[in-house]
PDB file of all heavy atoms in Angstrom:
ATOM      1  N   PHE A   1       0.807  -1.211   0.000  1.00  0.00           N
ATOM      2  CA  PHE A   1       0.000   0.000   0.000  1.00  0.00           C
ATOM      3  C   PHE A   1       0.849   1.273   0.000  1.00  0.00           C
ATOM      4  O   PHE A   1       2.006   1.265   0.424  1.00  0.00           O
ATOM      5  CB  PHE A   1      -0.945   0.019   1.205  1.00  0.00           C
ATOM      6  CG  PHE A   1      -0.254  -0.107   2.544  1.00  0.00           C
ATOM      7  CD1 PHE A   1       0.208   1.012   3.220  1.00  0.00           C
ATOM      8  CD2 PHE A   1      -0.066  -1.353   3.126  1.00  0.00           C
ATOM      9  CE1 PHE A   1       0.833   0.897   4.444  1.00  0.00           C
ATOM     10  CE2 PHE A   1       0.559  -1.482   4.354  1.00  0.00           C
ATOM     11  CZ  PHE A   1       1.019  -0.359   5.021  1.00  0.00           C
ATOM     12  N   THR A   2       0.255   2.367  -0.478  1.00  0.00           N
ATOM     13  CA  THR A   2       0.887   3.692  -0.407  1.00  0.00           C
ATOM     14  C   THR A   2      -0.016   4.708   0.297  1.00  0.00           C
ATOM     15  O   THR A   2       0.395   5.844   0.510  1.00  0.00           O
ATOM     16  CB  THR A   2       1.233   4.218  -1.808  1.00  0.00           C
ATOM     17  OG1 THR A   2       0.058   4.215  -2.625  1.00  0.00           O
ATOM     18  CG2 THR A   2       2.307   3.360  -2.455  1.00  0.00           C
ATOM     19  N   PHE A   3      -1.237   4.292   0.635  1.00  0.00           N
ATOM     20  CA  PHE A   3      -2.150   5.144   1.403  1.00  0.00           C
ATOM     21  C   PHE A   3      -2.889   4.285   2.422  1.00  0.00           C
ATOM     22  O   PHE A   3      -3.182   3.111   2.180  1.00  0.00           O
ATOM     23  CB  PHE A   3      -3.183   5.833   0.494  1.00  0.00           C
ATOM     24  CG  PHE A   3      -2.659   7.015  -0.243  1.00  0.00           C
ATOM     25  CD1 PHE A   3      -2.011   6.853  -1.461  1.00  0.00           C
ATOM     26  CD2 PHE A   3      -2.792   8.299   0.270  1.00  0.00           C
ATOM     27  CE1 PHE A   3      -1.521   7.938  -2.151  1.00  0.00           C
ATOM     28  CE2 PHE A   3      -2.303   9.401  -0.411  1.00  0.00           C
ATOM     29  CZ  PHE A   3      -1.665   9.222  -1.621  1.00  0.00           C
ATOM     30  N   TYR A   4      -3.194   4.882   3.570  1.00  0.00           N
ATOM     31  CA  TYR A   4      -4.071   4.248   4.547  1.00  0.00           C
ATOM     32  C   TYR A   4      -5.119   5.266   4.970  1.00  0.00           C
ATOM     33  O   TYR A   4      -4.775   6.360   5.442  1.00  0.00           O
ATOM     34  CB  TYR A   4      -3.301   3.744   5.770  1.00  0.00           C
ATOM     35  CG  TYR A   4      -4.180   2.955   6.723  1.00  0.00           C
ATOM     36  CD1 TYR A   4      -4.363   1.596   6.566  1.00  0.00           C
ATOM     37  CD2 TYR A   4      -4.866   3.593   7.755  1.00  0.00           C
ATOM     38  CE1 TYR A   4      -5.195   0.866   7.406  1.00  0.00           C
ATOM     39  CE2 TYR A   4      -5.693   2.883   8.604  1.00  0.00           C
ATOM     40  CZ  TYR A   4      -5.863   1.529   8.430  1.00  0.00           C
ATOM     41  OH  TYR A   4      -6.698   0.822   9.261  1.00  0.00           O
ATOM     42  N   ASP A   5      -6.377   4.925   4.754  1.00  0.00           N
ATOM     43  CA  ASP A   5      -7.508   5.813   5.057  1.00  0.00           C
ATOM     44  C   ASP A   5      -7.280   7.206   4.454  1.00  0.00           C
ATOM     45  O   ASP A   5      -7.542   8.233   5.096  1.00  0.00           O
ATOM     46  CB  ASP A   5      -7.740   5.908   6.567  1.00  0.00           C
ATOM     47  CG  ASP A   5      -9.119   6.483   6.901  1.00  0.00           C
ATOM     48  OD1 ASP A   5      -9.988   6.483   6.005  1.00  0.00           O
ATOM     49  OD2 ASP A   5      -9.301   6.946   8.041  1.00  0.00           O
ATOM     50  N   GLY A   6      -6.763   7.217   3.220  1.00  0.00           N
ATOM     51  CA  GLY A   6      -6.593   8.456   2.484  1.00  0.00           C
ATOM     52  C   GLY A   6      -5.340   9.241   2.807  1.00  0.00           C
ATOM     53  O   GLY A   6      -5.095  10.305   2.230  1.00  0.00           O
ATOM     54  N   THR A   7      -4.504   8.736   3.726  1.00  0.00           N
ATOM     55  CA  THR A   7      -3.272   9.422   4.120  1.00  0.00           C
ATOM     56  C   THR A   7      -2.067   8.674   3.569  1.00  0.00           C
ATOM     57  O   THR A   7      -2.001   7.454   3.643  1.00  0.00           O
ATOM     58  CB  THR A   7      -3.173   9.520   5.654  1.00  0.00           C
ATOM     59  OG1 THR A   7      -4.278  10.275   6.147  1.00  0.00           O
ATOM     60  CG2 THR A   7      -1.879  10.204   6.080  1.00  0.00           C
ATOM     61  N   SER A   8      -1.101   9.416   3.026  1.00  0.00           N
ATOM     62  CA  SER A   8       0.075   8.798   2.433  1.00  0.00           C
ATOM     63  C   SER A   8       0.881   8.008   3.466  1.00  0.00           C
ATOM     64  O   SER A   8       1.286   8.549   4.493  1.00  0.00           O
ATOM     65  CB  SER A   8       0.962   9.886   1.812  1.00  0.00           C
ATOM     66  OG  SER A   8       2.164   9.344   1.332  1.00  0.00           O
ATOM     67  N   ARG A   9       1.066   6.728   3.179  1.00  0.00           N
ATOM     68  CA  ARG A   9       1.934   5.862   3.977  1.00  0.00           C
ATOM     69  C   ARG A   9       2.551   4.851   3.028  1.00  0.00           C
ATOM     70  O   ARG A   9       1.866   3.969   2.524  1.00  0.00           O
ATOM     71  CB  ARG A   9       1.149   5.134   5.074  1.00  0.00           C
ATOM     72  CG  ARG A   9       0.750   6.012   6.247  1.00  0.00           C
ATOM     73  CD  ARG A   9       1.949   6.499   7.033  1.00  0.00           C
ATOM     74  NE  ARG A   9       1.559   7.250   8.192  1.00  0.00           N
ATOM     75  CZ  ARG A   9       1.316   8.552   8.210  1.00  0.00           C
ATOM     76  NH1 ARG A   9       1.408   9.242   7.104  1.00  0.00           N
ATOM     77  NH2 ARG A   9       0.990   9.161   9.326  1.00  0.00           N
ATOM     78  N   ASN A  10       3.826   4.960   2.795  1.00  0.00           N
ATOM     79  CA  ASN A  10       4.482   4.109   1.813  1.00  0.00           C
ATOM     80  C   ASN A  10       4.909   2.774   2.416  1.00  0.00           C
ATOM     81  O   ASN A  10       5.954   2.673   3.050  1.00  0.00           O
ATOM     82  CB  ASN A  10       5.678   4.840   1.201  1.00  0.00           C
ATOM     83  CG  ASN A  10       5.231   5.908   0.238  1.00  0.00           C
ATOM     84  OD1 ASN A  10       4.394   5.659  -0.622  1.00  0.00           O
ATOM     85  ND2 ASN A  10       5.760   7.102   0.384  1.00  0.00           N
ATOM     86  N   TYR A  11       4.035   1.746   2.263  1.00  0.00           N
ATOM     87  CA  TYR A  11       4.327   0.342   2.546  1.00  0.00           C
ATOM     88  C   TYR A  11       4.368  -0.016   4.034  1.00  0.00           C
ATOM     89  O   TYR A  11       4.471  -1.180   4.386  1.00  0.00           O
ATOM     90  CB  TYR A  11       5.644  -0.092   1.875  1.00  0.00           C
ATOM     91  CG  TYR A  11       5.785   0.402   0.462  1.00  0.00           C
ATOM     92  CD1 TYR A  11       6.790   1.289   0.102  1.00  0.00           C
ATOM     93  CD2 TYR A  11       4.871   0.013  -0.519  1.00  0.00           C
ATOM     94  CE1 TYR A  11       6.894   1.765  -1.202  1.00  0.00           C
ATOM     95  CE2 TYR A  11       4.970   0.488  -1.816  1.00  0.00           C
ATOM     96  CZ  TYR A  11       5.985   1.363  -2.149  1.00  0.00           C
ATOM     97  OH  TYR A  11       6.082   1.825  -3.432  1.00  0.00           O
ATOM     98  N   PHE A  12       4.275   0.966   4.926  1.00  0.00           N
ATOM     99  CA  PHE A  12       4.470   0.721   6.348  1.00  0.00           C
ATOM    100  C   PHE A  12       3.658   1.747   7.125  1.00  0.00           C
ATOM    101  O   PHE A  12       3.649   2.922   6.790  1.00  0.00           O
ATOM    102  CB  PHE A  12       5.958   0.862   6.679  1.00  0.00           C
ATOM    103  CG  PHE A  12       6.317   0.560   8.107  1.00  0.00           C
ATOM    104  CD1 PHE A  12       6.465  -0.751   8.528  1.00  0.00           C
ATOM    105  CD2 PHE A  12       6.527   1.582   9.017  1.00  0.00           C
ATOM    106  CE1 PHE A  12       6.813  -1.033   9.834  1.00  0.00           C
ATOM    107  CE2 PHE A  12       6.880   1.301  10.327  1.00  0.00           C
ATOM    108  CZ  PHE A  12       7.024  -0.016  10.737  1.00  0.00           C
ATOM    109  N   ALA A  13       2.934   1.312   8.154  1.00  0.00           N
ATOM    110  CA  ALA A  13       2.127   2.246   8.940  1.00  0.00           C
ATOM    111  C   ALA A  13       1.899   1.692  10.335  1.00  0.00           C
ATOM    112  O   ALA A  13       2.038   0.490  10.587  1.00  0.00           O
ATOM    113  CB  ALA A  13       0.782   2.502   8.260  1.00  0.00           C
ATOM    114  N   ARG A  14       1.516   2.587  11.250  1.00  0.00           N
ATOM    115  CA  ARG A  14       1.129   2.188  12.596  1.00  0.00           C
ATOM    116  C   ARG A  14      -0.311   2.624  12.824  1.00  0.00           C
ATOM    117  O   ARG A  14      -0.672   3.763  12.526  1.00  0.00           O
ATOM    118  CB  ARG A  14       2.043   2.799  13.653  1.00  0.00           C
ATOM    119  CG  ARG A  14       1.763   2.291  15.069  1.00  0.00           C
ATOM    120  CD  ARG A  14       2.839   2.728  16.044  1.00  0.00           C
ATOM    121  NE  ARG A  14       2.852   4.161  16.231  1.00  0.00           N
ATOM    122  CZ  ARG A  14       3.863   4.827  16.806  1.00  0.00           C
ATOM    123  NH1 ARG A  14       4.924   4.174  17.207  1.00  0.00           N
ATOM    124  NH2 ARG A  14       3.810   6.134  16.946  1.00  0.00           N
ATOM    125  N   LEU A  15      -1.135   1.710  13.357  1.00  0.00           N
ATOM    126  CA  LEU A  15      -2.547   1.979  13.601  1.00  0.00           C
ATOM    127  C   LEU A  15      -2.816   2.022  15.094  1.00  0.00           C
ATOM    128  O   LEU A  15      -2.143   1.357  15.890  1.00  0.00           O
ATOM    129  CB  LEU A  15      -3.417   0.883  12.976  1.00  0.00           C
ATOM    130  CG  LEU A  15      -3.111   0.462  11.531  1.00  0.00           C
ATOM    131  CD1 LEU A  15      -4.112  -0.602  11.101  1.00  0.00           C
ATOM    132  CD2 LEU A  15      -3.130   1.650  10.598  1.00  0.00           C
ATOM    133  N   ASN A  16      -3.807   2.820  15.459  1.00  0.00           N
ATOM    134  CA  ASN A  16      -4.317   2.760  16.816  1.00  0.00           C
ATOM    135  C   ASN A  16      -5.141   1.484  16.983  1.00  0.00           C
ATOM    136  O   ASN A  16      -5.504   0.821  16.009  1.00  0.00           O
ATOM    137  CB  ASN A  16      -5.168   3.996  17.104  1.00  0.00           C
ATOM    138  CG  ASN A  16      -4.357   5.266  17.027  1.00  0.00           C
ATOM    139  OD1 ASN A  16      -3.296   5.366  17.638  1.00  0.00           O
ATOM    140  ND2 ASN A  16      -4.838   6.237  16.281  1.00  0.00           N
ATOM    141  N   SER A  17      -5.470   1.135  18.227  1.00  0.00           N
ATOM    142  CA  SER A  17      -6.167  -0.125  18.491  1.00  0.00           C
ATOM    143  C   SER A  17      -7.578  -0.147  17.906  1.00  0.00           C
ATOM    144  O   SER A  17      -8.155  -1.226  17.754  1.00  0.00           O
ATOM    145  CB  SER A  17      -6.228  -0.387  19.997  1.00  0.00           C
ATOM    146  OG  SER A  17      -6.897   0.684  20.644  1.00  0.00           O
ATOM    147  N   ASP A  18      -8.120   1.039  17.553  1.00  0.00           N
ATOM    148  CA  ASP A  18      -9.452   1.081  16.950  1.00  0.00           C
ATOM    149  C   ASP A  18      -9.423   1.040  15.427  1.00  0.00           C
ATOM    150  O   ASP A  18     -10.440   1.206  14.769  1.00  0.00           O
ATOM    151  CB  ASP A  18     -10.215   2.321  17.423  1.00  0.00           C
ATOM    152  CG  ASP A  18      -9.550   3.622  16.987  1.00  0.00           C
ATOM    153  OD1 ASP A  18      -8.484   3.570  16.331  1.00  0.00           O
ATOM    154  OD2 ASP A  18     -10.096   4.693  17.313  1.00  0.00           O
ATOM    155  N   GLY A  19      -8.225   0.839  14.851  1.00  0.00           N
ATOM    156  CA  GLY A  19      -8.098   0.747  13.397  1.00  0.00           C
ATOM    157  C   GLY A  19      -7.769   2.041  12.705  1.00  0.00           C
ATOM    158  O   GLY A  19      -7.441   2.043  11.518  1.00  0.00           O
ATOM    159  N   SER A  20      -7.823   3.157  13.419  1.00  0.00           N
ATOM    160  CA  SER A  20      -7.479   4.443  12.813  1.00  0.00           C
ATOM    161  C   SER A  20      -5.967   4.584  12.688  1.00  0.00           C
ATOM    162  O   SER A  20      -5.200   3.918  13.399  1.00  0.00           O
ATOM    163  CB  SER A  20      -8.033   5.595  13.659  1.00  0.00           C
ATOM    164  OG  SER A  20      -7.456   5.597  14.961  1.00  0.00           O
ATOM    165  N   LEU A  21      -5.522   5.433  11.774  1.00  0.00           N
ATOM    166  CA  LEU A  21      -4.093   5.645  11.549  1.00  0.00           C
ATOM    167  C   LEU A  21      -3.483   6.415  12.710  1.00  0.00           C
ATOM    168  O   LEU A  21      -4.027   7.429  13.152  1.00  0.00           O
ATOM    169  CB  LEU A  21      -3.892   6.421  10.243  1.00  0.00           C
ATOM    170  CG  LEU A  21      -2.441   6.678   9.831  1.00  0.00           C
ATOM    171  CD1 LEU A  21      -1.753   5.369   9.462  1.00  0.00           C
ATOM    172  CD2 LEU A  21      -2.390   7.641   8.656  1.00  0.00           C
ATOM    173  N   ASP A  22      -2.357   5.946  13.208  1.00  0.00           N
ATOM    174  CA  ASP A  22      -1.611   6.669  14.234  1.00  0.00           C
ATOM    175  C   ASP A  22      -0.673   7.647  13.532  1.00  0.00           C
ATOM    176  O   ASP A  22       0.327   7.249  12.946  1.00  0.00           O
ATOM    177  CB  ASP A  22      -0.817   5.691  15.096  1.00  0.00           C
ATOM    178  CG  ASP A  22      -0.017   6.402  16.177  1.00  0.00           C
ATOM    179  OD1 ASP A  22      -0.161   7.635  16.300  1.00  0.00           O
ATOM    180  OD2 ASP A  22       0.755   5.734  16.879  1.00  0.00           O
ATOM    181  N   SER A  23      -1.022   8.932  13.581  1.00  0.00           N
ATOM    182  CA  SER A  23      -0.238   9.951  12.863  1.00  0.00           C
ATOM    183  C   SER A  23       0.719  10.700  13.772  1.00  0.00           C
ATOM    184  O   SER A  23       1.301  11.701  13.373  1.00  0.00           O
ATOM    185  CB  SER A  23      -1.189  10.956  12.196  1.00  0.00           C
ATOM    186  OG  SER A  23      -1.990  11.596  13.168  1.00  0.00           O
ATOM    187  N   THR A  24       0.912  10.209  15.007  1.00  0.00           N
ATOM    188  CA  THR A  24       1.732  10.958  15.950  1.00  0.00           C
ATOM    189  C   THR A  24       3.207  10.902  15.631  1.00  0.00           C
ATOM    190  O   THR A  24       3.968  11.747  16.056  1.00  0.00           O
ATOM    191  CB  THR A  24       1.523  10.434  17.378  1.00  0.00           C
ATOM    192  OG1 THR A  24       1.825   9.034  17.414  1.00  0.00           O
ATOM    193  CG2 THR A  24       0.093  10.668  17.832  1.00  0.00           C
ATOM    194  N   CYS A  25       3.622   9.914  14.852  1.00  0.00           N
ATOM    195  CA  CYS A  25       5.048   9.821  14.540  1.00  0.00           C
ATOM    196  C   CYS A  25       5.243   9.004  13.279  1.00  0.00           C
ATOM    197  O   CYS A  25       4.817   7.875  13.205  1.00  0.00           O
ATOM    198  CB  CYS A  25       5.812   9.174  15.691  1.00  0.00           C
ATOM    199  SG  CYS A  25       7.581   9.020  15.390  1.00  0.00           S
ATOM    200  N   VAL A  26       5.839   9.601  12.265  1.00  0.00           N
ATOM    201  CA  VAL A  26       6.219   8.862  11.070  1.00  0.00           C
ATOM    202  C   VAL A  26       7.737   8.913  11.021  1.00  0.00           C
ATOM    203  O   VAL A  26       8.341   9.824  10.498  1.00  0.00           O
ATOM    204  CB  VAL A  26       5.610   9.484   9.799  1.00  0.00           C
ATOM    205  CG1 VAL A  26       6.007   8.659   8.581  1.00  0.00           C
ATOM    206  CG2 VAL A  26       4.093   9.558   9.905  1.00  0.00           C
ATOM    207  N   SER A  27       8.341   7.928  11.656  1.00  0.00           N
ATOM    208  CA  SER A  27       9.790   7.880  11.815  1.00  0.00           C
ATOM    209  C   SER A  27      10.293   9.083  12.606  1.00  0.00           C
ATOM    210  O   SER A  27      11.484   9.277  12.741  1.00  0.00           O
ATOM    211  CB  SER A  27      10.490   7.839  10.450  1.00  0.00           C
ATOM    212  OG  SER A  27      11.855   7.620  10.585  1.00  0.00           O
ATOM    213  N   CYS A  28       9.338   9.897  13.142  1.00  0.00           N
ATOM    214  CA  CYS A  28       9.686  11.109  13.897  1.00  0.00           C
ATOM    215  C   CYS A  28      10.714  11.939  13.146  1.00  0.00           C
ATOM    216  O   CYS A  28      11.643  12.493  13.720  1.00  0.00           O
ATOM    217  CB  CYS A  28      10.177  10.763  15.292  1.00  0.00           C
ATOM    218  SG  CYS A  28       8.848  10.181  16.352  1.00  0.00           S
ATOM    219  N   SER A  29      10.576  12.011  11.846  1.00  0.00           N
ATOM    220  CA  SER A  29      11.547  12.729  11.023  1.00  0.00           C
ATOM    221  C   SER A  29      10.819  13.445   9.906  1.00  0.00           C
ATOM    222  O   SER A  29       9.956  12.873   9.248  1.00  0.00           O
ATOM    223  CB  SER A  29      12.566  11.744  10.436  1.00  0.00           C
ATOM    224  OG  SER A  29      13.451  12.397   9.570  1.00  0.00           O
ATOM    225  N   GLY A  30      11.152  14.720   9.684  1.00  0.00           N
ATOM    226  CA  GLY A  30      10.523  15.470   8.613  1.00  0.00           C
ATOM    227  C   GLY A  30       9.036  15.666   8.846  1.00  0.00           C
ATOM    228  O   GLY A  30       8.544  15.644   9.974  1.00  0.00           O
ATOM    229  N   ALA A  31       8.308  15.893   7.752  1.00  0.00           N
ATOM    230  CA  ALA A  31       6.872  16.140   7.819  1.00  0.00           C
ATOM    231  C   ALA A  31       6.109  14.824   7.734  1.00  0.00           C
ATOM    232  O   ALA A  31       6.485  13.941   6.972  1.00  0.00           O
ATOM    233  CB  ALA A  31       6.458  17.069   6.681  1.00  0.00           C
ATOM    234  N   ASN A  32       5.010  14.709   8.497  1.00  0.00           N
ATOM    235  CA  ASN A  32       4.243  13.464   8.497  1.00  0.00           C
ATOM    236  C   ASN A  32       3.215  13.418   7.386  1.00  0.00           C
ATOM    237  O   ASN A  32       2.531  12.416   7.218  1.00  0.00           O
ATOM    238  CB  ASN A  32       3.549  13.260   9.850  1.00  0.00           C
ATOM    239  CG  ASN A  32       2.399  14.228  10.068  1.00  0.00           C
ATOM    240  OD1 ASN A  32       2.467  15.381   9.653  1.00  0.00           O
ATOM    241  ND2 ASN A  32       1.346  13.776  10.720  1.00  0.00           N
ATOM    242  N   GLU A  33       3.084  14.488   6.636  1.00  0.00           N
ATOM    243  CA  GLU A  33       2.194  14.518   5.483  1.00  0.00           C
ATOM    244  C   GLU A  33       2.774  15.471   4.437  1.00  0.00           C
ATOM    245  O   GLU A  33       3.817  16.094   4.629  1.00  0.00           O
ATOM    246  CB  GLU A  33       0.771  14.932   5.876  1.00  0.00           C
ATOM    247  CG  GLU A  33      -0.220  13.762   5.873  1.00  0.00           C
ATOM    248  CD  GLU A  33      -0.367  13.098   4.517  1.00  0.00           C
ATOM    249  OE1 GLU A  33       0.014  13.701   3.485  1.00  0.00           O
ATOM    250  OE2 GLU A  33      -0.855  11.960   4.465  1.00  0.00           O
ATOM    251  N   VAL A  34       2.045  15.604   3.335  1.00  0.00           N
ATOM    252  CA  VAL A  34       2.561  16.281   2.143  1.00  0.00           C
ATOM    253  C   VAL A  34       2.951  17.737   2.406  1.00  0.00           C
ATOM    254  O   VAL A  34       2.242  18.473   3.096  1.00  0.00           O
ATOM    255  CB  VAL A  34       1.498  16.211   1.027  1.00  0.00           C
ATOM    256  CG1 VAL A  34       1.831  17.155  -0.116  1.00  0.00           C
ATOM    257  CG2 VAL A  34       1.368  14.780   0.526  1.00  0.00           C
ATOM    258  N   VAL A  35       4.082  18.151   1.841  1.00  0.00           N
ATOM    259  CA  VAL A  35       4.497  19.557   1.781  1.00  0.00           C
ATOM    260  C   VAL A  35       4.153  20.081   0.386  1.00  0.00           C
ATOM    261  O   VAL A  35       4.602  19.532  -0.615  1.00  0.00           O
ATOM    262  CB  VAL A  35       6.007  19.710   2.053  1.00  0.00           C
ATOM    263  CG1 VAL A  35       6.457  21.150   1.817  1.00  0.00           C
ATOM    264  CG2 VAL A  35       6.334  19.267   3.473  1.00  0.00           C
ATOM    265  N   ARG A  36       3.325  21.130   0.322  1.00  0.00           N
ATOM    266  CA  ARG A  36       2.863  21.654  -0.958  1.00  0.00           C
ATOM    267  C   ARG A  36       3.545  22.945  -1.384  1.00  0.00           C
ATOM    268  O   ARG A  36       3.508  23.306  -2.556  1.00  0.00           O
ATOM    269  CB  ARG A  36       1.347  21.898  -0.900  1.00  0.00           C
ATOM    270  CG  ARG A  36       0.490  20.646  -0.943  1.00  0.00           C
ATOM    271  CD  ARG A  36       0.634  19.881  -2.249  1.00  0.00           C
ATOM    272  NE  ARG A  36       0.333  20.673  -3.417  1.00  0.00           N
ATOM    273  CZ  ARG A  36      -0.840  20.728  -4.028  1.00  0.00           C
ATOM    274  NH1 ARG A  36      -1.849  20.012  -3.556  1.00  0.00           N
ATOM    275  NH2 ARG A  36      -1.013  21.464  -5.100  1.00  0.00           N
ATOM    276  N   SER A  37       4.138  23.677  -0.446  1.00  0.00           N
ATOM    277  CA  SER A  37       4.687  24.984  -0.798  1.00  0.00           C
ATOM    278  C   SER A  37       5.927  25.261   0.036  1.00  0.00           C
ATOM    279  O   SER A  37       5.988  24.894   1.216  1.00  0.00           O
ATOM    280  CB  SER A  37       3.624  26.067  -0.555  1.00  0.00           C
ATOM    281  OG  SER A  37       4.112  27.348  -0.891  1.00  0.00           O
ATOM    282  N   THR A  38       6.929  25.899  -0.575  1.00  0.00           N
ATOM    283  CA  THR A  38       8.167  26.261   0.119  1.00  0.00           C
ATOM    284  C   THR A  38       8.574  27.677  -0.253  1.00  0.00           C
ATOM    285  O   THR A  38       8.423  28.098  -1.403  1.00  0.00           O
ATOM    286  CB  THR A  38       9.315  25.302  -0.253  1.00  0.00           C
ATOM    287  OG1 THR A  38       9.421  25.224  -1.690  1.00  0.00           O
ATOM    288  CG2 THR A  38       9.093  23.914   0.304  1.00  0.00           C
ATOM    289  N   ASN A  39       9.088  28.420   0.721  1.00  0.00           N
ATOM    290  CA  ASN A  39       9.629  29.759   0.500  1.00  0.00           C
ATOM    291  C   ASN A  39      10.892  29.917   1.319  1.00  0.00           C
ATOM    292  O   ASN A  39      10.994  29.365   2.425  1.00  0.00           O
ATOM    293  CB  ASN A  39       8.625  30.837   0.920  1.00  0.00           C
ATOM    294  CG  ASN A  39       7.396  30.880   0.037  1.00  0.00           C
ATOM    295  OD1 ASN A  39       7.395  31.486  -1.018  1.00  0.00           O
ATOM    296  ND2 ASN A  39       6.324  30.220   0.486  1.00  0.00           N
ATOM    297  N   ILE A  40      11.846  30.679   0.817  1.00  0.00           N
ATOM    298  CA  ILE A  40      13.111  30.863   1.513  1.00  0.00           C
ATOM    299  C   ILE A  40      13.253  32.330   1.913  1.00  0.00           C
ATOM    300  O   ILE A  40      13.164  33.233   1.082  1.00  0.00           O
ATOM    301  CB  ILE A  40      14.290  30.420   0.635  1.00  0.00           C
ATOM    302  CG1 ILE A  40      14.144  28.936   0.315  1.00  0.00           C
ATOM    303  CG2 ILE A  40      15.620  30.667   1.350  1.00  0.00           C
ATOM    304  CD1 ILE A  40      15.132  28.416  -0.695  1.00  0.00           C
ATOM    305  N   GLN A  41      13.476  32.568   3.211  1.00  0.00           N
ATOM    306  CA  GLN A  41      13.636  33.922   3.726  1.00  0.00           C
ATOM    307  C   GLN A  41      15.020  34.466   3.391  1.00  0.00           C
ATOM    308  O   GLN A  41      15.927  33.725   3.013  1.00  0.00           O
ATOM    309  CB  GLN A  41      13.424  33.927   5.247  1.00  0.00           C
ATOM    310  CG  GLN A  41      12.043  33.515   5.685  1.00  0.00           C
ATOM    311  CD  GLN A  41      11.832  33.641   7.183  1.00  0.00           C
ATOM    312  OE1 GLN A  41      10.712  33.601   7.643  1.00  0.00           O
ATOM    313  NE2 GLN A  41      12.896  33.780   7.956  1.00  0.00           N
TER     314      GLN A  41
END
């Protein structure tokens, strides 16, 4: 899989005990979901 319940997860995910996606930590690195825009100060 590359998505779980509509959220990007490439081949690996952690779920809460009720079946919902656990979004509290995705390798605890970088952004846990899509980055759409960047600007440099």
